[in-house]
Amino acid sequence: MSDLDDLIAEMRQKRDELRVKLHLAGKDARDDWEQAVSEWDRFVEKAQLEKSADEVGEAARNLGLKLKEAFERARKSD
């Protein structure tokens, strides 16, 4: 599990603990909670996009290396 995955898991746990306590809070606290949850959702979405982008980047690098090797083999066979 990556550091980002660990952070997300930890934050999910804290979020869930706070959700349980929320029913005792006043309106201002609930408003703050809703804003925090919205920010959390954006954070997780962005983190997943960045993780996907990293994976795509790695796949592109691997493909580039394979193409380079193929071109070198083709050049040597001439």
N, C-alpha and C. Protein backbone atom coordinates (compact mmCIF):
# COMPACT_ATOMS: atom_id res chain seq x y z
N MET A 1 0.85 -1.17 0.00
CA MET A 1 0.00 0.00 0.00
C MET A 1 0.90 1.24 0.00
N SER A 2 0.57 2.21 -0.81
CA SER A 2 1.40 3.41 -0.92
C SER A 2 1.11 4.37 0.23
N ASP A 3 1.99 5.36 0.36
CA ASP A 3 1.78 6.39 1.38
C ASP A 3 0.45 7.09 1.16
N LEU A 4 0.10 7.34 -0.09
CA LEU A 4 -1.17 8.00 -0.40
C LEU A 4 -2.33 7.12 0.02
N ASP A 5 -2.25 5.82 -0.25
CA ASP A 5 -3.31 4.90 0.16
C ASP A 5 -3.43 4.87 1.68
N ASP A 6 -2.30 4.87 2.38
CA ASP A 6 -2.31 4.90 3.85
C ASP A 6 -2.98 6.17 4.36
N LEU A 7 -2.64 7.31 3.76
CA LEU A 7 -3.24 8.58 4.16
C LEU A 7 -4.74 8.56 3.94
N ILE A 8 -5.16 8.06 2.79
CA ILE A 8 -6.60 8.00 2.50
C ILE A 8 -7.31 7.11 3.51
N ALA A 9 -6.74 5.96 3.83
CA ALA A 9 -7.35 5.05 4.80
C ALA A 9 -7.45 5.71 6.17
N GLU A 10 -6.40 6.39 6.58
CA GLU A 10 -6.41 7.08 7.88
C GLU A 10 -7.46 8.18 7.90
N MET A 11 -7.54 8.94 6.83
CA MET A 11 -8.51 10.03 6.77
C MET A 11 -9.94 9.50 6.72
N ARG A 12 -10.14 8.37 6.05
CA ARG A 12 -11.48 7.76 6.03
C ARG A 12 -11.91 7.37 7.44
N GLN A 13 -10.97 6.79 8.19
CA GLN A 13 -11.30 6.39 9.56
C GLN A 13 -11.67 7.60 10.40
N LYS A 14 -10.87 8.67 10.30
CA LYS A 14 -11.17 9.89 11.07
C LYS A 14 -12.51 10.48 10.64
N ARG A 15 -12.77 10.48 9.34
CA ARG A 15 -14.03 11.00 8.83
C ARG A 15 -15.20 10.21 9.41
N ASP A 16 -15.08 8.88 9.41
CA ASP A 16 -16.15 8.04 9.93
C ASP A 16 -16.37 8.26 11.42
N GLU A 17 -15.30 8.44 12.18
CA GLU A 17 -15.42 8.71 13.61
C GLU A 17 -16.13 10.04 13.85
N LEU A 18 -15.78 11.03 13.06
CA LEU A 18 -16.42 12.34 13.22
C LEU A 18 -17.89 12.29 12.82
N ARG A 19 -18.21 11.50 11.82
CA ARG A 19 -19.60 11.38 11.39
C ARG A 19 -20.47 10.87 12.54
N VAL A 20 -19.95 9.93 13.32
CA VAL A 20 -20.70 9.39 14.45
C VAL A 20 -20.99 10.49 15.48
N LYS A 21 -20.03 11.38 15.68
CA LYS A 21 -20.19 12.46 16.67
C LYS A 21 -21.02 13.62 16.15
N LEU A 22 -21.24 13.69 14.86
CA LEU A 22 -21.88 14.84 14.25
C LEU A 22 -23.30 15.08 14.76
N HIS A 23 -24.03 14.04 15.05
CA HIS A 23 -25.42 14.22 15.46
C HIS A 23 -25.54 15.03 16.75
N LEU A 24 -24.47 15.16 17.51
CA LEU A 24 -24.47 15.95 18.74
C LEU A 24 -24.09 17.41 18.49
N ALA A 25 -23.65 17.71 17.30
CA ALA A 25 -23.12 19.05 17.00
C ALA A 25 -24.24 20.01 16.60
N GLY A 26 -23.91 21.30 16.67
CA GLY A 26 -24.85 22.34 16.25
C GLY A 26 -24.78 22.57 14.76
N LYS A 27 -25.60 23.50 14.27
CA LYS A 27 -25.68 23.79 12.84
C LYS A 27 -24.34 24.24 12.27
N ASP A 28 -23.63 25.13 12.96
CA ASP A 28 -22.33 25.60 12.45
C ASP A 28 -21.37 24.43 12.26
N ALA A 29 -21.36 23.53 13.22
CA ALA A 29 -20.48 22.37 13.12
C ALA A 29 -20.90 21.49 11.95
N ARG A 30 -22.21 21.33 11.75
CA ARG A 30 -22.69 20.52 10.62
C ARG A 30 -22.31 21.16 9.29
N ASP A 31 -22.42 22.51 9.22
CA ASP A 31 -22.02 23.21 8.00
C ASP A 31 -20.52 23.01 7.74
N ASP A 32 -19.71 23.12 8.80
CA ASP A 32 -18.27 22.88 8.65
C ASP A 32 -18.03 21.45 8.19
N TRP A 33 -18.79 20.53 8.74
CA TRP A 33 -18.66 19.12 8.38
C TRP A 33 -18.96 18.91 6.90
N GLU A 34 -20.05 19.49 6.43
CA GLU A 34 -20.43 19.33 5.02
C GLU A 34 -19.34 19.89 4.10
N GLN A 35 -18.76 21.01 4.48
CA GLN A 35 -17.69 21.59 3.68
C GLN A 35 -16.46 20.67 3.69
N ALA A 36 -16.13 20.14 4.86
CA ALA A 36 -14.98 19.24 4.97
C ALA A 36 -15.20 17.97 4.13
N VAL A 37 -16.41 17.43 4.15
CA VAL A 37 -16.71 16.23 3.37
C VAL A 37 -16.59 16.53 1.88
N SER A 38 -17.06 17.69 1.47
CA SER A 38 -16.94 18.08 0.07
C SER A 38 -15.47 18.18 -0.35
N GLU A 39 -14.66 18.81 0.51
CA GLU A 39 -13.23 18.91 0.23
C GLU A 39 -12.58 17.52 0.21
N TRP A 40 -13.01 16.66 1.12
CA TRP A 40 -12.51 15.29 1.16
C TRP A 40 -12.78 14.57 -0.16
N ASP A 41 -14.01 14.69 -0.64
CA ASP A 41 -14.37 14.03 -1.90
C ASP A 41 -13.49 14.53 -3.04
N ARG A 42 -13.24 15.83 -3.10
CA ARG A 42 -12.37 16.38 -4.14
C ARG A 42 -10.94 15.87 -3.98
N PHE A 43 -10.47 15.78 -2.74
CA PHE A 43 -9.13 15.27 -2.47
C PHE A 43 -8.97 13.83 -2.97
N VAL A 44 -9.92 12.98 -2.62
CA VAL A 44 -9.85 11.57 -3.02
C VAL A 44 -9.90 11.45 -4.54
N GLU A 45 -10.79 12.22 -5.17
CA GLU A 45 -10.89 12.18 -6.63
C GLU A 45 -9.58 12.61 -7.27
N LYS A 46 -9.00 13.69 -6.77
CA LYS A 46 -7.73 14.18 -7.33
C LYS A 46 -6.62 13.16 -7.09
N ALA A 47 -6.59 12.57 -5.90
CA ALA A 47 -5.55 11.58 -5.59
C ALA A 47 -5.65 10.38 -6.53
N GLN A 48 -6.88 9.92 -6.80
CA GLN A 48 -7.06 8.79 -7.70
C GLN A 48 -6.66 9.16 -9.13
N LEU A 49 -6.99 10.39 -9.54
CA LEU A 49 -6.59 10.83 -10.88
C LEU A 49 -5.08 10.89 -11.00
N GLU A 50 -4.42 11.41 -9.97
CA GLU A 50 -2.96 11.49 -10.00
C GLU A 50 -2.34 10.09 -10.03
N LYS A 51 -2.93 9.18 -9.26
CA LYS A 51 -2.43 7.80 -9.25
C LYS A 51 -2.60 7.19 -10.64
N SER A 52 -3.77 7.42 -11.26
CA SER A 52 -4.01 6.91 -12.61
C SER A 52 -3.04 7.54 -13.60
N ALA A 53 -2.80 8.84 -13.46
CA ALA A 53 -1.87 9.53 -14.36
C ALA A 53 -0.47 8.96 -14.22
N ASP A 54 -0.06 8.67 -12.98
CA ASP A 54 1.25 8.06 -12.76
C ASP A 54 1.33 6.70 -13.45
N GLU A 55 0.26 5.92 -13.33
CA GLU A 55 0.24 4.59 -13.95
C GLU A 55 0.28 4.71 -15.47
N VAL A 56 -0.45 5.67 -16.03
CA VAL A 56 -0.43 5.88 -17.48
C VAL A 56 0.96 6.32 -17.91
N GLY A 57 1.57 7.22 -17.13
CA GLY A 57 2.92 7.67 -17.45
C GLY A 57 3.91 6.53 -17.46
N GLU A 58 3.81 5.65 -16.48
CA GLU A 58 4.70 4.49 -16.40
C GLU A 58 4.47 3.57 -17.60
N ALA A 59 3.22 3.35 -17.96
CA ALA A 59 2.92 2.50 -19.12
C ALA A 59 3.48 3.12 -20.40
N ALA A 60 3.36 4.44 -20.53
CA ALA A 60 3.89 5.12 -21.72
C ALA A 60 5.41 5.01 -21.77
N ARG A 61 6.07 5.15 -20.62
CA ARG A 61 7.53 5.00 -20.58
C ARG A 61 7.93 3.58 -20.99
N ASN A 62 7.22 2.59 -20.47
CA ASN A 62 7.52 1.20 -20.82
C ASN A 62 7.31 0.96 -22.31
N LEU A 63 6.24 1.49 -22.86
CA LEU A 63 5.98 1.35 -24.29
C LEU A 63 7.08 2.03 -25.09
N GLY A 64 7.50 3.21 -24.66
CA GLY A 64 8.58 3.92 -25.34
C GLY A 64 9.86 3.12 -25.35
N LEU A 65 10.19 2.50 -24.23
CA LEU A 65 11.40 1.67 -24.17
C LEU A 65 11.30 0.47 -25.10
N LYS A 66 10.12 -0.16 -25.14
CA LYS A 66 9.94 -1.31 -26.04
C LYS A 66 10.06 -0.88 -27.50
N LEU A 67 9.49 0.28 -27.83
CA LEU A 67 9.59 0.78 -29.21
C LEU A 67 11.04 1.10 -29.56
N LYS A 68 11.75 1.71 -28.62
CA LYS A 68 13.17 2.03 -28.85
C LYS A 68 13.95 0.75 -29.14
N GLU A 69 13.72 -0.28 -28.32
CA GLU A 69 14.41 -1.55 -28.52
C GLU A 69 14.05 -2.16 -29.88
N ALA A 70 12.77 -2.08 -30.25
CA ALA A 70 12.34 -2.63 -31.54
C ALA A 70 13.00 -1.88 -32.69
N PHE A 71 13.07 -0.55 -32.60
CA PHE A 71 13.71 0.24 -33.65
C PHE A 71 15.20 -0.09 -33.75
N GLU A 72 15.84 -0.27 -32.60
CA GLU A 72 17.27 -0.60 -32.60
C GLU A 72 17.50 -1.98 -33.22
N ARG A 73 16.64 -2.93 -32.90
CA ARG A 73 16.76 -4.27 -33.50
C ARG A 73 16.55 -4.20 -35.01
N ALA A 74 15.56 -3.42 -35.43
CA ALA A 74 15.28 -3.28 -36.87
C ALA A 74 16.45 -2.62 -37.58
N ARG A 75 17.05 -1.62 -36.96
CA ARG A 75 18.18 -0.93 -37.57
C ARG A 75 19.38 -1.86 -37.70
N LYS A 76 19.61 -2.68 -36.69
CA LYS A 76 20.74 -3.61 -36.70
C LYS A 76 20.55 -4.72 -37.73
N SER A 77 19.31 -5.05 -38.04
CA SER A 77 19.07 -6.15 -38.98
C SER A 77 19.25 -5.72 -40.43
N ASP A 78 19.39 -4.42 -40.69
CA ASP A 78 19.61 -3.93 -42.07
C ASP A 78 20.98 -4.26 -42.57
